[in-house]
Protein backbone atom coordinates (compact mmCIF):
# COMPACT_ATOMS: atom_id res chain seq x y z
CA MET A 1 -20.56 5.12 -6.95
CA ASP A 2 -20.34 2.41 -9.59
CA THR A 3 -17.13 0.48 -10.20
CA PHE A 4 -16.13 2.24 -13.42
CA THR A 5 -16.63 5.66 -11.86
CA ALA A 6 -14.46 4.64 -8.90
CA ILE A 7 -11.75 3.42 -11.29
CA GLU A 8 -11.90 6.56 -13.43
CA THR A 9 -11.93 9.04 -10.54
CA ARG A 10 -9.36 7.40 -8.24
CA ARG A 11 -6.18 9.47 -7.81
CA SER A 12 -3.03 9.13 -5.74
CA ILE A 13 -3.56 11.59 -2.90
CA ARG A 14 -0.60 13.23 -1.17
CA LYS A 15 -2.46 15.83 0.93
CA PHE A 16 -5.00 14.74 3.51
CA LYS A 17 -7.34 16.52 5.89
CA GLN A 18 -6.84 15.65 9.56
CA ASP A 19 -10.43 14.43 10.03
CA PRO A 20 -10.45 10.97 11.62
CA ILE A 21 -11.75 8.03 9.62
CA PRO A 22 -14.79 6.39 11.23
CA GLN A 23 -14.21 2.76 12.19
CA GLU A 24 -17.21 1.75 10.08
CA LEU A 25 -15.46 3.02 6.92
CA LEU A 26 -12.16 1.32 7.83
CA ASP A 27 -14.06 -1.93 8.37
CA LYS A 28 -15.68 -1.63 4.91
CA ILE A 29 -12.33 -0.95 3.25
CA LEU A 30 -10.65 -3.90 4.97
CA LYS A 31 -13.63 -6.14 4.17
CA ALA A 32 -13.29 -5.16 0.50
CA ALA A 33 -9.62 -6.16 0.66
CA THR A 34 -10.47 -9.59 2.03
CA LEU A 35 -12.91 -10.20 -0.82
CA ALA A 36 -10.13 -10.05 -3.43
CA PRO A 37 -9.36 -13.14 -5.48
CA SER A 38 -6.25 -15.08 -4.51
CA GLY A 39 -4.28 -17.94 -6.00
CA LYS A 40 -5.54 -21.27 -4.61
CA ASN A 41 -7.69 -19.15 -2.23
CA LYS A 42 -4.66 -18.75 0.07
CA GLN A 43 -5.73 -15.20 1.01
CA PRO A 44 -2.09 -14.28 1.69
CA TRP A 45 -2.63 -10.96 3.40
CA ARG A 46 -2.32 -9.42 6.84
CA PHE A 47 -3.14 -5.79 7.58
CA TYR A 48 -1.52 -3.56 10.21
CA VAL A 49 -3.55 -0.37 10.70
CA VAL A 50 -1.64 2.62 12.07
CA GLN A 51 -3.56 5.66 13.29
CA GLU A 52 -3.66 8.37 15.95
CA SER A 53 -0.72 8.42 18.38
CA LYS A 54 1.02 5.50 16.66
CA ARG A 55 1.64 7.68 13.57
CA ASP A 56 4.58 9.37 15.32
CA GLU A 57 6.14 6.00 16.15
CA MET A 58 5.65 4.87 12.53
CA ILE A 59 7.38 8.00 11.23
CA THR A 60 10.26 7.51 13.68
CA ALA A 61 10.73 3.94 12.40
CA MET A 62 10.56 5.15 8.80
CA ARG A 63 13.10 7.90 9.50
CA GLU A 64 15.48 5.46 11.20
CA GLY A 65 15.32 3.13 8.20
CA LEU A 66 15.95 5.99 5.76
CA ASP A 67 18.83 7.30 7.88
CA GLN A 68 20.46 3.84 7.90
CA LEU A 69 20.32 3.63 4.11
CA THR A 70 21.57 7.19 3.69
CA ALA A 71 24.53 6.42 5.99
CA MET A 72 25.39 3.48 3.74
CA GLY A 73 25.45 5.79 0.71
CA TYR A 74 22.09 4.90 -0.81
CA LYS A 75 19.83 7.54 -2.30
CA THR A 76 16.33 7.31 -0.86
CA GLY A 77 14.69 9.38 -3.59
CA SER A 78 11.11 10.33 -2.93
CA ALA A 79 10.89 8.35 0.32
CA LYS A 80 11.38 11.43 2.52
CA PHE A 81 8.41 13.13 0.89
CA THR A 82 6.42 9.90 1.25
CA GLN A 83 7.33 9.91 4.94
CA TYR A 84 5.75 13.37 5.19
CA VAL A 85 2.58 12.17 3.42
CA MET A 86 2.36 9.25 5.84
CA SER A 87 2.81 11.60 8.80
CA GLN A 88 -0.23 13.67 7.88
CA ALA A 89 -2.53 10.88 6.64
CA PRO A 90 -4.98 9.85 9.39
CA VAL A 91 -4.49 6.15 8.61
CA THR A 92 -1.75 4.04 7.06
CA ILE A 93 -2.32 0.35 6.46
CA PHE A 94 0.72 -1.89 6.02
CA VAL A 95 0.03 -4.97 3.94
CA TYR A 96 2.04 -8.14 4.50
CA ASN A 97 2.08 -11.64 3.11
CA PRO A 98 2.30 -13.57 6.41
CA THR A 99 3.80 -16.64 4.71
CA GLY A 100 6.22 -14.65 2.56
CA ARG A 101 9.90 -14.22 3.25
CA HIS A 102 12.21 -11.25 3.43
CA PRO A 103 12.93 -10.08 -0.14
CA THR A 104 16.65 -10.86 0.21
CA GLN A 105 16.12 -14.52 1.14
CA GLU A 106 17.01 -17.00 -1.58
CA ARG A 107 14.23 -18.93 -3.30
CA ASN A 108 14.16 -21.80 -5.71
CA THR A 109 12.16 -21.48 -8.93
CA LEU A 110 8.95 -23.01 -7.57
CA GLU A 111 9.10 -20.83 -4.46
CA ALA A 112 9.64 -17.75 -6.63
CA PHE A 113 6.59 -18.65 -8.74
CA GLY A 114 4.52 -19.14 -5.57
CA ASP A 115 5.65 -15.74 -4.28
CA ILE A 116 4.62 -14.10 -7.56
CA VAL A 117 1.13 -15.59 -7.23
CA ASP A 118 0.87 -14.36 -3.62
CA ILE A 119 2.06 -10.85 -4.54
CA GLN A 120 -0.53 -10.67 -7.32
CA SER A 121 -3.20 -11.75 -4.83
CA VAL A 122 -2.13 -9.08 -2.35
CA GLY A 123 -2.10 -6.52 -5.18
CA ALA A 124 -5.74 -7.39 -5.89
CA ALA A 125 -6.56 -6.86 -2.19
CA ILE A 126 -4.83 -3.47 -2.25
CA GLN A 127 -6.70 -2.43 -5.40
CA ASN A 128 -9.99 -3.43 -3.73
CA MET A 129 -9.03 -1.19 -0.77
CA LEU A 130 -8.28 1.76 -3.07
CA LEU A 131 -11.55 1.43 -4.98
CA ALA A 132 -13.63 0.91 -1.81
CA ALA A 133 -12.04 4.01 -0.27
CA GLN A 134 -12.77 6.01 -3.42
CA ALA A 135 -16.40 4.90 -3.38
CA LEU A 136 -16.63 6.00 0.28
CA GLY A 137 -15.25 9.48 -0.44
CA LEU A 138 -11.73 8.84 0.86
CA GLY A 139 -8.41 9.36 -0.87
CA THR A 140 -5.53 6.91 -0.90
CA LEU A 141 -1.86 6.59 -1.72
CA TRP A 142 -0.43 3.15 -2.54
CA ILE A 143 3.11 3.31 -1.12
CA CYS A 144 6.15 1.25 -2.02
CA ASP A 145 8.70 3.74 -0.64
CA VAL A 146 8.29 1.85 2.66
CA PHE A 147 10.85 -0.61 1.25
CA PHE A 148 13.53 1.98 1.99
CA ALA A 149 12.78 1.34 5.69
CA TYR A 150 11.73 -2.30 5.32
CA ASP A 151 13.50 -3.77 8.36
CA ALA A 152 12.90 -0.78 10.65
CA LEU A 153 9.15 -0.74 9.91
CA THR A 154 8.78 -4.54 10.08
CA ASN A 155 10.55 -4.62 13.45
CA TRP A 156 8.47 -1.73 14.78
CA LEU A 157 5.23 -3.39 13.65
CA GLY A 158 6.31 -6.78 14.99
CA ALA A 159 5.13 -8.11 11.65
CA GLU A 160 5.86 -11.56 10.31
CA GLY A 161 6.19 -12.44 6.67
CA GLU A 162 6.92 -10.20 3.70
CA MET A 163 6.00 -6.52 3.51
CA ILE A 164 4.24 -5.90 0.20
CA ALA A 165 3.20 -2.23 0.47
CA ALA A 166 1.42 0.36 2.56
CA VAL A 167 -1.67 2.44 1.84
CA SER A 168 -2.19 5.85 3.43
CA LEU A 169 -5.75 7.10 3.45
CA GLY A 170 -7.96 9.90 4.61
CA TYR A 171 -10.25 12.60 3.35
CA PRO A 172 -8.43 14.21 0.41
CA ASP A 173 -7.24 17.80 0.68
CA GLN A 174 -6.44 18.03 -3.02
CA SER A 175 -8.01 17.12 -6.37
CA PRO A 176 -5.21 16.07 -8.71
CA GLU A 177 -5.80 15.98 -12.43
CA PRO A 178 -5.66 12.56 -14.10
CA ARG A 179 -2.16 11.38 -14.96
CA PRO A 180 -1.36 10.55 -18.60
CA ARG A 181 -2.23 6.99 -19.56
CA LYS A 182 -1.19 4.86 -22.50
CA SER A 183 -4.03 4.02 -24.84
CA VAL A 184 -5.49 0.53 -24.92
CA ALA A 185 -4.11 0.16 -28.46
CA GLU A 186 -0.55 0.87 -27.21
CA VAL A 187 -0.61 -1.89 -24.60
CA THR A 188 -2.76 -4.56 -26.24
CA THR A 189 -1.99 -7.24 -28.81
CA TYR A 190 -4.86 -9.28 -30.20
CA LEU A 191 -4.04 -12.72 -31.53
CA ASP A 192 -6.68 -13.76 -34.07
């Protein structure tokens, strides 16, 4: 599959088949992530791959985090449905910036700028994962609802640094239609 076809056909998948993902495909997807560009070539990413029996532990940690927020009066929105998607996806990959800090920690201006560069770099790695998975016949869901259980998941993973996102993946069990997109003309300004 060429790059433009992968971009055009990629969808956010929320229903997965239970077929396991061969290690060879996971290795290709993670390799694609590591080939992403990064500011000053820092490569600020670390991947935690959750599969098989560890899925139940992941969902327990997610539920605990959501329950804590709910008890404090916060609305967790779509996170409970996302928890379900994660529970039935064969693989979920948590993506961290190992040199990043907890989102609530104070930063000076230069540190904030550095964090923005690192987050953009990690975003490029995640996009590479999504497109590689698409080219290999797998579906993905880029997940930010994990922030609702940030501390619970980070503690469960034993992860260091800053959680950026998670990606659930597997063989898709749905074929969603394309979502509406703004036209190039709506989002582009040419300066001549």
